[in-house]
Each structure stands twice: as C-alpha cells, then as structure tokens.
Amino acid sequence: MAYKVIAECVDSRTGKRYFAGDVFKPDPDADQAARLIKAGCLEEVKGKAAKAPTDGLSELDLDALRALADKSGLAYEADASADMLIGLLREKGVKAGEPA
C-alpha cells in the first residue's frame, strides 16, 4: 500500500522526518500506518502508486537549499537540516529553479 504524507511526521523506525507531499517510504507496518492516519499525518493512496514531489528540492544540496530559502525570505535556524529546509520551502510552494 502506498501512503502520502499530509502533515509533518517522523518515522519512528528510522528517525527520518517527512513533510506534506512526501511519499512515506519504506511503507509503515499496519500499526504505524493506523497511528499516523489517525493523527492526520498520512493518507492511503488507493488505486495508484504515490508519487514523490516533482519540485526538484530533494536533489539540491544544503548550501543550495539555504540560498533558495534566503531568496524566498524564509526564516530558519542556522543549523537547519536539508529535510527541514525542504519542508519549509514546500510549505511556501517554492520549487527548485523557479524565482522566489
């Protein structure tokens, strides 16, 4: 079963942080899926495979993400991770290669 992230969450198995629009991979087990769906973090994607975001942000390195966040006027912590910056940029609707 494929799952799309609809609200920020963390995979308790790996510690990976997911943001709205991400595909939750590897698939959660049944208990974890039920908890995350109940919490409003995941939705099942029925009848088709969940697609990863096509905004190009995941391909950028940390320096490029910081530059894009700065250009977009986003406030972030100096030690923000790439995952955190990607989440902030996605929330604002910014895509790689587009002017802010």
Protein backbone atom coordinates (compact mmCIF):
# COMPACT_ATOMS: atom_id res chain seq x y z
CA MET A 1 0.00 0.00 0.00
CA ALA A 2 1.29 3.49 -0.79
CA TYR A 3 1.00 6.36 1.67
CA LYS A 4 1.19 10.09 1.05
CA VAL A 5 2.27 12.42 3.84
CA ILE A 6 -0.31 15.14 4.51
CA ALA A 7 1.25 16.61 7.69
CA GLU A 8 4.81 16.63 9.00
CA CYS A 9 5.77 13.46 10.87
CA VAL A 10 8.77 11.34 11.82
CA ASP A 11 9.25 7.65 11.04
CA SER A 12 9.81 6.09 14.47
CA ARG A 13 11.81 3.27 12.85
CA THR A 14 14.39 5.41 11.08
CA GLY A 15 14.10 8.92 12.54
CA LYS A 16 13.53 10.33 9.05
CA ARG A 17 11.35 13.45 9.01
CA TYR A 18 8.65 13.62 6.33
CA PHE A 19 6.80 16.69 5.12
CA ALA A 20 3.45 17.22 3.42
CA GLY A 21 3.61 15.92 -0.13
CA ASP A 22 6.32 13.33 0.56
CA VAL A 23 5.82 9.64 -0.08
CA PHE A 24 6.26 7.63 3.14
CA LYS A 25 8.90 5.02 2.23
CA PRO A 26 9.51 2.35 3.26
CA ASP A 27 5.86 1.61 3.86
CA PRO A 28 4.87 1.63 7.53
CA ASP A 29 3.70 -1.54 9.23
CA ALA A 30 -0.04 -1.83 9.90
CA ASP A 31 0.13 -0.41 13.46
CA GLN A 32 2.30 2.55 12.49
CA ALA A 33 0.10 3.31 9.47
CA ALA A 34 -3.03 3.25 11.64
CA ARG A 35 -1.45 5.64 14.19
CA LEU A 36 -0.22 8.08 11.55
CA ILE A 37 -3.52 8.06 9.66
CA LYS A 38 -5.44 8.65 12.92
CA ALA A 39 -3.05 11.52 13.76
CA GLY A 40 -3.76 13.10 10.36
CA CYS A 41 -0.22 12.62 9.05
CA LEU A 42 -0.75 10.03 6.30
CA GLU A 43 -3.37 9.08 3.78
CA GLU A 44 -3.59 5.87 1.82
CA VAL A 45 -3.19 6.27 -1.89
CA LYS A 46 -5.63 3.78 -3.39
CA GLY A 47 -5.62 2.56 -6.94
CA LYS A 48 -2.35 4.23 -7.86
CA ALA A 49 1.14 4.50 -6.51
CA ALA A 50 2.03 7.58 -4.50
CA LYS A 51 4.30 9.90 -6.45
CA ALA A 52 7.25 11.71 -5.00
CA PRO A 53 7.17 15.51 -5.23
CA THR A 54 8.46 16.89 -8.52
CA ASP A 55 9.63 20.22 -7.14
CA GLY A 56 13.32 19.33 -7.50
CA LEU A 57 14.13 20.28 -3.92
CA SER A 58 15.32 16.81 -2.91
CA GLU A 59 18.11 16.98 -5.49
CA LEU A 60 19.62 20.18 -4.05
CA ASP A 61 22.49 20.19 -1.55
CA LEU A 62 22.29 22.02 1.77
CA ASP A 63 24.00 25.20 0.50
CA ALA A 64 21.62 25.44 -2.46
CA LEU A 65 18.61 24.90 -0.15
CA ARG A 66 19.84 27.67 2.17
CA ALA A 67 20.32 30.03 -0.78
CA LEU A 68 16.82 29.27 -2.05
CA ALA A 69 15.35 29.76 1.43
CA ASP A 70 17.16 33.09 1.78
CA LYS A 71 15.97 34.20 -1.67
CA SER A 72 12.42 33.21 -0.68
CA GLY A 73 12.59 35.24 2.52
CA LEU A 74 12.19 32.22 4.81
CA ALA A 75 13.40 32.36 8.39
CA TYR A 76 15.17 29.22 9.58
CA GLU A 77 17.60 28.11 12.27
CA ALA A 78 21.31 28.29 11.38
CA ASP A 79 21.66 24.54 11.98
CA ALA A 80 18.55 23.59 9.97
CA SER A 81 18.88 20.28 8.17
CA ALA A 82 18.21 19.76 4.48
CA ASP A 83 14.96 17.95 5.38
CA MET A 84 13.81 20.92 7.46
CA LEU A 85 14.61 23.41 4.69
CA ILE A 86 12.82 21.27 2.11
CA GLY A 87 9.75 21.21 4.35
CA LEU A 88 9.78 24.99 4.78
CA LEU A 89 10.24 25.55 1.05
CA ARG A 90 7.42 23.13 0.18
CA GLU A 91 5.09 24.83 2.65
CA LYS A 92 5.71 28.09 0.79
CA GLY A 93 5.29 26.39 -2.59
CA VAL A 94 8.83 27.10 -3.78
CA LYS A 95 10.31 24.83 -6.45
CA ALA A 96 13.94 24.44 -7.44
CA GLY A 97 14.88 26.53 -10.43
CA GLU A 98 12.00 28.99 -10.07
CA PRO A 99 12.42 32.57 -8.96
CA ALA A 100 11.22 33.12 -5.40
